Amino acid sequence: MGFLDKLRGALVGEQVDYSALIKDGAVVVDVRTKEEFRSGHVKGSKNFPLQTLGNKVKELKGKTVVLVCRSGARASQAQRMLANNGITAHNAGAWQNI
């Protein structure tokens, strides 16, 4: 499956097995603020607030990323940013989904 096929699948709501991605080494990145992250988060996740995510692109290169936030809106913005930098990223929506 090529990149465009994957993108097309994501746009039409293809189901992603986030547990399998994480088991296979995907990095969970929570793009909420530090304060929100401290109030609860996925065990083992990294907190890279959306406004600072651009500074973490080098660190994420070559990795599969599962993005979370409060509702999925910021994770969607982060997904576009990472995709524009050649990083495979999935928007899992709210952090409680993982």
N, C-alpha and C. Protein backbone atom coordinates (compact mmCIF):
# COMPACT_ATOMS: atom_id res chain seq x y z
N MET A 1 0.85 -1.17 0.00
CA MET A 1 0.00 0.00 0.00
C MET A 1 0.89 1.23 0.00
N GLY A 2 0.66 2.13 -0.93
CA GLY A 2 1.46 3.34 -1.05
C GLY A 2 0.99 4.43 -0.11
N PHE A 3 1.76 5.50 -0.09
CA PHE A 3 1.47 6.64 0.78
C PHE A 3 0.08 7.21 0.52
N LEU A 4 -0.26 7.41 -0.76
CA LEU A 4 -1.56 7.99 -1.08
C LEU A 4 -2.70 7.06 -0.68
N ASP A 5 -2.49 5.76 -0.81
CA ASP A 5 -3.52 4.81 -0.37
C ASP A 5 -3.72 4.91 1.14
N LYS A 6 -2.63 5.02 1.89
CA LYS A 6 -2.73 5.15 3.34
C LYS A 6 -3.45 6.44 3.72
N LEU A 7 -3.09 7.54 3.04
CA LEU A 7 -3.72 8.82 3.31
C LEU A 7 -5.21 8.74 3.00
N ARG A 8 -5.55 8.17 1.87
CA ARG A 8 -6.94 8.02 1.48
C ARG A 8 -7.70 7.20 2.52
N GLY A 9 -7.10 6.13 3.00
CA GLY A 9 -7.73 5.30 4.03
C GLY A 9 -7.97 6.07 5.30
N ALA A 10 -7.00 6.90 5.69
CA ALA A 10 -7.15 7.70 6.90
C ALA A 10 -8.28 8.70 6.74
N LEU A 11 -8.43 9.26 5.54
CA LEU A 11 -9.46 10.26 5.31
C LEU A 11 -10.86 9.67 5.32
N VAL A 12 -10.99 8.41 4.95
CA VAL A 12 -12.32 7.78 4.94
C VAL A 12 -12.60 7.01 6.22
N GLY A 13 -11.78 7.19 7.22
CA GLY A 13 -12.05 6.60 8.53
C GLY A 13 -11.56 5.18 8.71
N GLU A 14 -10.50 4.81 8.03
CA GLU A 14 -9.92 3.48 8.21
C GLU A 14 -9.57 3.27 9.67
N GLN A 15 -9.90 2.09 10.19
CA GLN A 15 -9.60 1.78 11.57
C GLN A 15 -8.11 1.49 11.74
N VAL A 16 -7.52 2.09 12.76
CA VAL A 16 -6.11 1.89 13.05
C VAL A 16 -6.01 1.18 14.40
N ASP A 17 -5.19 0.15 14.47
CA ASP A 17 -4.96 -0.57 15.72
C ASP A 17 -3.80 0.11 16.45
N TYR A 18 -4.13 1.09 17.28
CA TYR A 18 -3.10 1.86 17.98
C TYR A 18 -2.30 0.99 18.93
N SER A 19 -2.93 0.02 19.57
CA SER A 19 -2.21 -0.87 20.47
C SER A 19 -1.12 -1.62 19.72
N ALA A 20 -1.43 -2.09 18.52
CA ALA A 20 -0.44 -2.81 17.72
C ALA A 20 0.69 -1.88 17.30
N LEU A 21 0.35 -0.66 16.92
CA LEU A 21 1.39 0.30 16.53
C LEU A 21 2.35 0.55 17.71
N ILE A 22 1.77 0.75 18.89
CA ILE A 22 2.59 1.03 20.07
C ILE A 22 3.42 -0.20 20.42
N LYS A 23 2.82 -1.37 20.34
CA LYS A 23 3.56 -2.61 20.62
C LYS A 23 4.74 -2.76 19.66
N ASP A 24 4.55 -2.28 18.41
CA ASP A 24 5.60 -2.36 17.40
C ASP A 24 6.60 -1.21 17.48
N GLY A 25 6.48 -0.37 18.51
CA GLY A 25 7.47 0.68 18.72
C GLY A 25 7.06 2.10 18.41
N ALA A 26 5.80 2.33 18.07
CA ALA A 26 5.35 3.70 17.82
C ALA A 26 5.48 4.52 19.10
N VAL A 27 5.74 5.79 18.91
CA VAL A 27 5.88 6.73 20.03
C VAL A 27 4.55 7.44 20.21
N VAL A 28 4.05 7.47 21.45
CA VAL A 28 2.83 8.22 21.75
C VAL A 28 3.25 9.63 22.15
N VAL A 29 2.74 10.61 21.39
CA VAL A 29 3.05 12.01 21.66
C VAL A 29 1.76 12.74 22.01
N ASP A 30 1.73 13.31 23.20
CA ASP A 30 0.60 14.09 23.68
C ASP A 30 0.92 15.55 23.42
N VAL A 31 0.07 16.21 22.61
CA VAL A 31 0.36 17.59 22.20
C VAL A 31 -0.39 18.62 23.04
N ARG A 32 -0.92 18.20 24.19
CA ARG A 32 -1.57 19.15 25.09
C ARG A 32 -0.51 19.96 25.84
N THR A 33 -0.96 20.98 26.55
CA THR A 33 -0.04 21.79 27.35
C THR A 33 0.53 20.94 28.49
N LYS A 34 1.61 21.42 29.06
CA LYS A 34 2.24 20.71 30.19
C LYS A 34 1.25 20.56 31.36
N GLU A 35 0.46 21.59 31.60
CA GLU A 35 -0.51 21.53 32.69
C GLU A 35 -1.56 20.45 32.42
N GLU A 36 -2.06 20.38 31.20
CA GLU A 36 -3.04 19.35 30.86
C GLU A 36 -2.42 17.96 30.99
N PHE A 37 -1.19 17.82 30.53
CA PHE A 37 -0.49 16.54 30.59
C PHE A 37 -0.34 16.08 32.04
N ARG A 38 0.00 17.00 32.93
CA ARG A 38 0.16 16.66 34.35
C ARG A 38 -1.14 16.18 34.98
N SER A 39 -2.27 16.59 34.42
CA SER A 39 -3.56 16.19 35.01
C SER A 39 -3.95 14.75 34.65
N GLY A 40 -3.20 14.13 33.74
CA GLY A 40 -3.44 12.75 33.34
C GLY A 40 -2.93 12.54 31.93
N HIS A 41 -2.34 11.36 31.69
CA HIS A 41 -1.77 11.08 30.37
C HIS A 41 -1.54 9.58 30.21
N VAL A 42 -1.23 9.20 28.99
CA VAL A 42 -0.93 7.81 28.67
C VAL A 42 0.44 7.47 29.26
N LYS A 43 0.52 6.37 29.98
CA LYS A 43 1.79 5.93 30.55
C LYS A 43 2.82 5.76 29.44
N GLY A 44 3.98 6.37 29.62
CA GLY A 44 5.07 6.26 28.66
C GLY A 44 5.02 7.26 27.51
N SER A 45 3.97 8.09 27.48
CA SER A 45 3.86 9.06 26.39
C SER A 45 4.80 10.24 26.62
N LYS A 46 5.12 10.90 25.51
CA LYS A 46 5.96 12.11 25.56
C LYS A 46 5.04 13.32 25.45
N ASN A 47 5.35 14.36 26.19
CA ASN A 47 4.56 15.59 26.12
C ASN A 47 5.32 16.62 25.30
N PHE A 48 4.87 16.80 24.06
CA PHE A 48 5.41 17.82 23.17
C PHE A 48 4.25 18.74 22.81
N PRO A 49 4.01 19.79 23.60
CA PRO A 49 2.90 20.69 23.30
C PRO A 49 2.93 21.14 21.83
N LEU A 50 1.76 21.30 21.25
CA LEU A 50 1.64 21.61 19.82
C LEU A 50 2.52 22.78 19.42
N GLN A 51 2.56 23.84 20.23
CA GLN A 51 3.32 25.02 19.87
C GLN A 51 4.83 24.78 19.85
N THR A 52 5.29 23.68 20.45
CA THR A 52 6.73 23.37 20.45
C THR A 52 7.07 22.15 19.60
N LEU A 53 6.08 21.54 18.99
CA LEU A 53 6.29 20.29 18.25
C LEU A 53 7.28 20.45 17.11
N GLY A 54 7.30 21.60 16.47
CA GLY A 54 8.24 21.84 15.37
C GLY A 54 9.69 21.66 15.79
N ASN A 55 9.98 21.89 17.07
CA ASN A 55 11.34 21.72 17.59
C ASN A 55 11.71 20.25 17.81
N LYS A 56 10.74 19.36 17.69
CA LYS A 56 10.95 17.93 17.97
C LYS A 56 10.99 17.08 16.71
N VAL A 57 10.89 17.70 15.54
CA VAL A 57 10.82 16.95 14.28
C VAL A 57 12.02 16.04 14.11
N LYS A 58 13.22 16.54 14.37
CA LYS A 58 14.42 15.70 14.22
C LYS A 58 14.36 14.48 15.12
N GLU A 59 13.86 14.66 16.34
CA GLU A 59 13.77 13.57 17.30
C GLU A 59 12.78 12.50 16.85
N LEU A 60 11.76 12.90 16.08
CA LEU A 60 10.71 11.98 15.65
C LEU A 60 10.94 11.38 14.27
N LYS A 61 11.92 11.89 13.54
CA LYS A 61 12.22 11.37 12.19
C LYS A 61 12.47 9.87 12.26
N GLY A 62 11.88 9.15 11.31
CA GLY A 62 12.10 7.71 11.23
C GLY A 62 11.25 6.89 12.18
N LYS A 63 10.40 7.54 12.96
CA LYS A 63 9.56 6.83 13.92
C LYS A 63 8.09 6.93 13.50
N THR A 64 7.32 5.96 13.90
CA THR A 64 5.87 6.05 13.76
C THR A 64 5.35 6.72 15.02
N VAL A 65 4.47 7.70 14.83
CA VAL A 65 3.98 8.50 15.95
C VAL A 65 2.46 8.36 16.08
N VAL A 66 2.00 8.15 17.30
CA VAL A 66 0.58 8.16 17.62
C VAL A 66 0.34 9.43 18.42
N LEU A 67 -0.49 10.31 17.88
CA LEU A 67 -0.74 11.61 18.50
C LEU A 67 -2.03 11.62 19.29
N VAL A 68 -2.01 12.26 20.45
CA VAL A 68 -3.20 12.42 21.27
C VAL A 68 -3.25 13.84 21.82
N CYS A 69 -4.45 14.24 22.21
CA CYS A 69 -4.65 15.53 22.88
C CYS A 69 -5.93 15.42 23.70
N ARG A 70 -6.67 16.50 23.87
CA ARG A 70 -7.91 16.45 24.64
C ARG A 70 -9.06 15.89 23.80
N SER A 71 -9.16 16.36 22.54
CA SER A 71 -10.29 15.95 21.71
C SER A 71 -9.91 15.40 20.34
N GLY A 72 -8.69 15.65 19.92
CA GLY A 72 -8.25 15.23 18.59
C GLY A 72 -7.95 16.40 17.66
N ALA A 73 -8.39 17.59 18.00
CA ALA A 73 -8.18 18.76 17.14
C ALA A 73 -6.70 19.13 17.04
N ARG A 74 -6.04 19.26 18.18
CA ARG A 74 -4.61 19.59 18.14
C ARG A 74 -3.80 18.45 17.56
N ALA A 75 -4.21 17.20 17.84
CA ALA A 75 -3.51 16.05 17.27
C ALA A 75 -3.62 16.07 15.75
N SER A 76 -4.75 16.53 15.22
CA SER A 76 -4.93 16.64 13.78
C SER A 76 -3.96 17.66 13.19
N GLN A 77 -3.81 18.79 13.84
CA GLN A 77 -2.85 19.81 13.39
C GLN A 77 -1.44 19.25 13.43
N ALA A 78 -1.12 18.54 14.51
CA ALA A 78 0.20 17.94 14.67
C ALA A 78 0.45 16.89 13.59
N GLN A 79 -0.57 16.12 13.26
CA GLN A 79 -0.43 15.09 12.23
C GLN A 79 -0.06 15.72 10.90
N ARG A 80 -0.73 16.79 10.54
CA ARG A 80 -0.41 17.47 9.27
C ARG A 80 1.02 18.00 9.29
N MET A 81 1.43 18.59 10.41
CA MET A 81 2.78 19.13 10.52
C MET A 81 3.82 18.03 10.36
N LEU A 82 3.62 16.92 11.05
CA LEU A 82 4.59 15.82 10.98
C LEU A 82 4.59 15.19 9.59
N ALA A 83 3.41 15.02 9.00
CA ALA A 83 3.33 14.45 7.65
C ALA A 83 4.08 15.33 6.65
N ASN A 84 3.97 16.63 6.81
CA ASN A 84 4.70 17.56 5.93
C ASN A 84 6.21 17.45 6.09
N ASN A 85 6.64 16.84 7.18
CA ASN A 85 8.06 16.62 7.44
C ASN A 85 8.46 15.16 7.22
N GLY A 86 7.59 14.39 6.55
CA GLY A 86 7.91 13.02 6.20
C GLY A 86 7.80 12.01 7.33
N ILE A 87 7.04 12.35 8.37
CA ILE A 87 6.91 11.47 9.53
C ILE A 87 5.53 10.82 9.50
N THR A 88 5.50 9.49 9.66
CA THR A 88 4.23 8.76 9.73
C THR A 88 3.60 9.02 11.08
N ALA A 89 2.44 9.66 11.07
CA ALA A 89 1.77 10.02 12.32
C ALA A 89 0.28 9.69 12.21
N HIS A 90 -0.27 9.24 13.33
CA HIS A 90 -1.68 8.87 13.40
C HIS A 90 -2.35 9.68 14.50
N ASN A 91 -3.54 10.21 14.21
CA ASN A 91 -4.30 10.95 15.19
C ASN A 91 -5.23 9.99 15.91
N ALA A 92 -4.93 9.70 17.18
CA ALA A 92 -5.77 8.80 17.97
C ALA A 92 -6.87 9.56 18.71
N GLY A 93 -6.91 10.88 18.56
CA GLY A 93 -7.94 11.67 19.24
C GLY A 93 -7.60 11.93 20.68
N ALA A 94 -8.59 11.78 21.54
CA ALA A 94 -8.41 12.04 22.96
C ALA A 94 -7.43 11.03 23.58
N TRP A 95 -6.64 11.50 24.52
CA TRP A 95 -5.61 10.64 25.13
C TRP A 95 -6.22 9.42 25.81
N GLN A 96 -7.45 9.52 26.26
CA GLN A 96 -8.10 8.39 26.92
C GLN A 96 -8.40 7.25 25.96
N ASN A 97 -8.32 7.51 24.65
CA ASN A 97 -8.58 6.47 23.65
C ASN A 97 -7.49 5.42 23.59
N ILE A 98 -6.34 5.73 24.13
CA ILE A 98 -5.20 4.81 24.03
C ILE A 98 -5.11 3.95 25.28
